Protein backbone atom coordinates (compact mmCIF):
# COMPACT_ATOMS: atom_id res chain seq x y z
CA UNK A 1 -41.79 -1.57 11.90
CA UNK A 2 -43.77 -1.16 8.60
CA UNK A 3 -43.23 2.70 8.71
CA UNK A 4 -39.42 2.13 8.79
CA UNK A 5 -39.72 -0.26 5.77
CA UNK A 6 -41.70 2.35 3.78
CA UNK A 7 -38.81 5.01 4.33
CA UNK A 8 -36.28 2.48 3.17
CA UNK A 9 -37.79 1.18 0.19
CA UNK A 10 -37.39 3.13 -3.12
CA UNK A 11 -40.20 5.43 -3.93
CA UNK A 12 -42.55 4.73 -6.82
CA UNK A 13 -40.85 5.17 -10.24
CA UNK A 14 -37.27 4.74 -8.45
CA UNK A 15 -35.33 1.51 -9.27
CA UNK A 16 -32.57 0.26 -7.40
CA UNK A 17 -30.54 -2.72 -8.66
CA UNK A 18 -27.18 -4.03 -9.91
CA UNK A 19 -25.41 -2.99 -13.02
CA UNK A 20 -22.23 -3.98 -14.94
CA UNK A 21 -19.74 -1.20 -15.70
CA UNK A 22 -18.97 -1.22 -19.48
CA UNK A 23 -15.92 1.01 -19.66
CA UNK A 24 -13.55 2.63 -17.36
CA UNK A 25 -15.02 5.66 -15.52
CA UNK A 26 -14.56 9.05 -17.32
CA UNK A 27 -14.49 11.50 -14.41
CA UNK A 28 -17.79 11.26 -12.52
CA UNK A 29 -19.58 9.44 -15.28
CA UNK A 30 -19.63 5.82 -15.91
CA UNK A 31 -21.30 3.55 -18.78
CA UNK A 32 -23.37 0.83 -17.28
CA UNK A 33 -25.43 -2.07 -18.50
CA UNK A 34 -28.51 -2.40 -16.23
CA UNK A 35 -30.05 -5.73 -15.32
CA UNK A 36 -32.76 -5.05 -17.91
CA UNK A 37 -30.19 -4.99 -20.65
CA UNK A 38 -30.47 -1.18 -21.31
CA UNK A 39 -26.93 0.65 -21.66
CA UNK A 40 -27.02 4.03 -19.65
CA UNK A 41 -24.64 6.56 -18.47
CA UNK A 42 -24.67 6.98 -14.77
CA UNK A 43 -23.06 9.49 -12.24
CA UNK A 44 -20.83 8.37 -9.60
CA UNK A 45 -22.42 9.12 -6.14
CA UNK A 46 -20.28 7.38 -3.81
CA UNK A 47 -19.19 8.32 -0.25
CA UNK A 48 -15.58 7.34 -1.17
CA UNK A 49 -13.73 8.49 -4.29
CA UNK A 50 -13.96 5.09 -6.26
CA UNK A 51 -12.65 4.88 -9.97
CA UNK A 52 -15.08 2.35 -11.70
CA UNK A 53 -13.46 -0.14 -14.14
CA UNK A 54 -14.90 -2.30 -16.87
CA UNK A 55 -16.46 -5.43 -15.31
CA UNK A 56 -17.23 -4.00 -12.03
CA UNK A 57 -20.81 -4.76 -10.55
CA UNK A 58 -22.32 -1.57 -9.00
CA UNK A 59 -25.52 -0.65 -7.28
CA UNK A 60 -27.55 1.85 -9.26
CA UNK A 61 -30.34 4.07 -8.20
CA UNK A 62 -32.56 5.12 -11.06
CA UNK A 63 -35.47 7.40 -11.79
CA UNK A 64 -36.35 8.15 -15.34
CA UNK A 65 -33.23 8.96 -17.36
CA UNK A 66 -31.18 9.76 -14.35
CA UNK A 67 -28.90 7.13 -12.83
CA UNK A 68 -26.55 7.26 -9.94
CA UNK A 69 -23.92 4.67 -8.71
CA UNK A 70 -24.51 4.51 -4.92
CA UNK A 71 -22.53 1.43 -4.14
CA UNK A 72 -19.96 -1.09 -5.29
CA UNK A 73 -21.02 -4.72 -5.11
CA UNK A 74 -17.92 -6.39 -6.91
CA UNK A 75 -15.07 -3.97 -7.65
CA UNK A 76 -11.41 -3.87 -8.88
CA UNK A 77 -11.18 -0.22 -9.52
CA UNK A 78 -9.04 2.34 -7.47
CA UNK A 79 -10.15 3.90 -4.35
CA UNK A 80 -8.04 6.94 -3.82
CA UNK A 81 -8.38 9.27 -0.82
CA UNK A 82 -6.56 12.60 -1.79
CA UNK A 83 -6.23 15.55 0.66
CA UNK A 84 -4.73 19.03 0.34
CA UNK A 85 -2.30 20.02 3.03
CA UNK A 86 -1.05 18.07 6.08
CA UNK A 87 -2.96 14.96 7.02
CA UNK A 88 -2.39 12.92 10.31
CA UNK A 89 -3.98 9.33 10.83
CA UNK A 90 -3.94 8.45 14.55
CA UNK A 91 -5.35 5.50 16.60
CA UNK A 92 -5.97 6.91 20.07
CA UNK A 93 -5.85 4.21 22.86
CA UNK A 94 -4.84 1.47 19.96
CA UNK A 95 -2.71 0.52 17.27
CA UNK A 96 -2.81 1.31 13.34
CA UNK A 97 -2.28 -1.62 10.94
CA UNK A 98 -1.91 -1.17 7.08
CA UNK A 99 -2.33 -4.30 5.34
CA UNK A 100 -2.80 -5.55 1.63
CA UNK A 101 -3.02 -8.64 -0.15
CA UNK A 102 -0.69 -7.63 -2.97
CA UNK A 103 1.75 -5.20 -1.09
CA UNK A 104 2.08 -1.88 0.61
CA UNK A 105 3.98 1.01 -0.94
CA UNK A 106 5.02 4.13 0.84
CA UNK A 107 6.30 6.96 -1.47
CA UNK A 108 7.67 10.36 -0.76
CA UNK A 109 10.67 12.47 -1.20
CA UNK A 110 11.39 11.89 2.63
CA UNK A 111 10.37 9.01 5.01
CA UNK A 112 10.78 9.32 8.69
CA UNK A 113 10.23 6.29 11.04
CA UNK A 114 10.16 7.31 14.79
CA UNK A 115 9.78 4.63 17.26
CA UNK A 116 10.81 3.48 20.71
CA UNK A 117 11.44 0.14 19.25
CA UNK A 118 11.62 -0.93 15.48
CA UNK A 119 11.06 -4.53 14.48
CA UNK A 120 11.43 -5.67 10.88
CA UNK A 121 10.41 -9.20 10.04
CA UNK A 122 10.64 -10.45 6.54
CA UNK A 123 11.33 -13.48 4.37
CA UNK A 124 13.91 -11.58 2.37
CA UNK A 125 14.97 -7.93 2.17
CA UNK A 126 16.75 -5.96 -0.51
CA UNK A 127 18.16 -2.41 -0.10
CA UNK A 128 19.46 -0.25 -2.94
CA UNK A 129 21.02 2.99 -1.85
CA UNK A 130 23.49 5.71 -3.25
CA UNK A 131 24.76 6.18 0.16
CA UNK A 132 24.18 4.52 3.65
CA UNK A 133 25.23 5.66 7.08
CA UNK A 134 24.62 3.99 10.49
CA UNK A 135 25.30 5.29 13.91
CA UNK A 136 24.98 2.87 16.79
CA UNK A 137 25.84 4.16 20.40
CA UNK A 138 25.71 0.68 21.91
CA UNK A 139 26.45 -2.67 20.31
CA UNK A 140 25.94 -3.52 16.60
CA UNK A 141 25.51 -7.32 16.34
CA UNK A 142 24.96 -9.28 13.33
CA UNK A 143 24.19 -13.16 13.18
CA UNK A 144 24.00 -14.90 9.94
CA UNK A 145 24.81 -18.36 8.40
CA UNK A 146 27.19 -16.58 5.87
CA UNK A 147 28.41 -13.19 5.30
CA UNK A 148 29.58 -11.81 1.95
CA UNK A 149 30.95 -8.28 1.85
CA UNK A 150 32.25 -6.81 -1.51
CA UNK A 151 33.65 -3.53 -2.02
CA UNK A 152 34.40 -2.27 -5.55
CA UNK A 153 36.99 0.17 -4.34
CA UNK A 154 38.23 -0.02 -0.96
CA UNK A 155 37.31 -1.47 2.43
CA UNK A 156 38.37 0.27 5.71
CA UNK A 157 37.67 -0.91 9.27
CA UNK A 158 39.08 0.89 12.39
CA UNK A 159 38.79 -0.15 16.03
CA UNK A 160 40.58 0.11 19.41
CA UNK A 161 41.06 -3.60 19.27
CA UNK A 162 40.08 -6.34 16.60
CA UNK A 163 39.72 -9.96 17.13
CA UNK A 164 39.01 -12.48 14.36
CA UNK A 165 38.27 -16.08 15.49
CA UNK A 166 37.53 -19.00 13.18
CA UNK A 167 37.12 -22.68 13.85
CA UNK A 168 38.79 -23.45 10.52
CA UNK A 169 41.26 -21.65 8.16
CA UNK A 170 41.84 -17.93 7.86
CA UNK A 171 43.10 -16.76 4.44
CA UNK A 172 44.72 -13.39 3.69
CA UNK A 173 45.15 -12.90 0.07
CA UNK A 174 46.56 -9.60 -1.53
CA UNK A 175 49.13 -8.43 -3.82
CA UNK A 176 50.85 -6.78 -0.66
CA UNK A 177 50.14 -7.43 2.98
CA UNK A 178 51.32 -4.87 5.44
CA UNK A 179 51.47 -5.81 9.18
CA UNK A 180 52.38 -3.32 12.02
């Protein structure tokens, strides 16, 4: 057990400890305040591409005048995974969940959702489109407490048969009403 501890502990002259980020990272270099109070510039040496921001607390490995950020203890910066070419993320034998405390944004010139079943559950939903088309082979069913439909120019509905059922009044209001 002692041999393992000797390999984990920093070598003589090597310091490991927390530091506060003094300014947003510029490329791979970041300005830090070490626990000793000294201000230094350190190189980001993280496994993930993290952009440190002012106020973050990072783990710094130092030897002499060389300083490396090897961990993020308290961070609010951006971790951005960037790839060239096509990328696939797949959960084999399980499911994939994307979650965030403040929201999820999917952005691209084209988005395709392909599923056997698609469920959308939300407290509220807003759609803003230039054009919208739906094709339903079977039944299109809508259940709502109230439906409001407003067309700025015209509204056209066509069917083999139309039934309007109302428990109370039905109003048809127009400058002209053509029946038949």
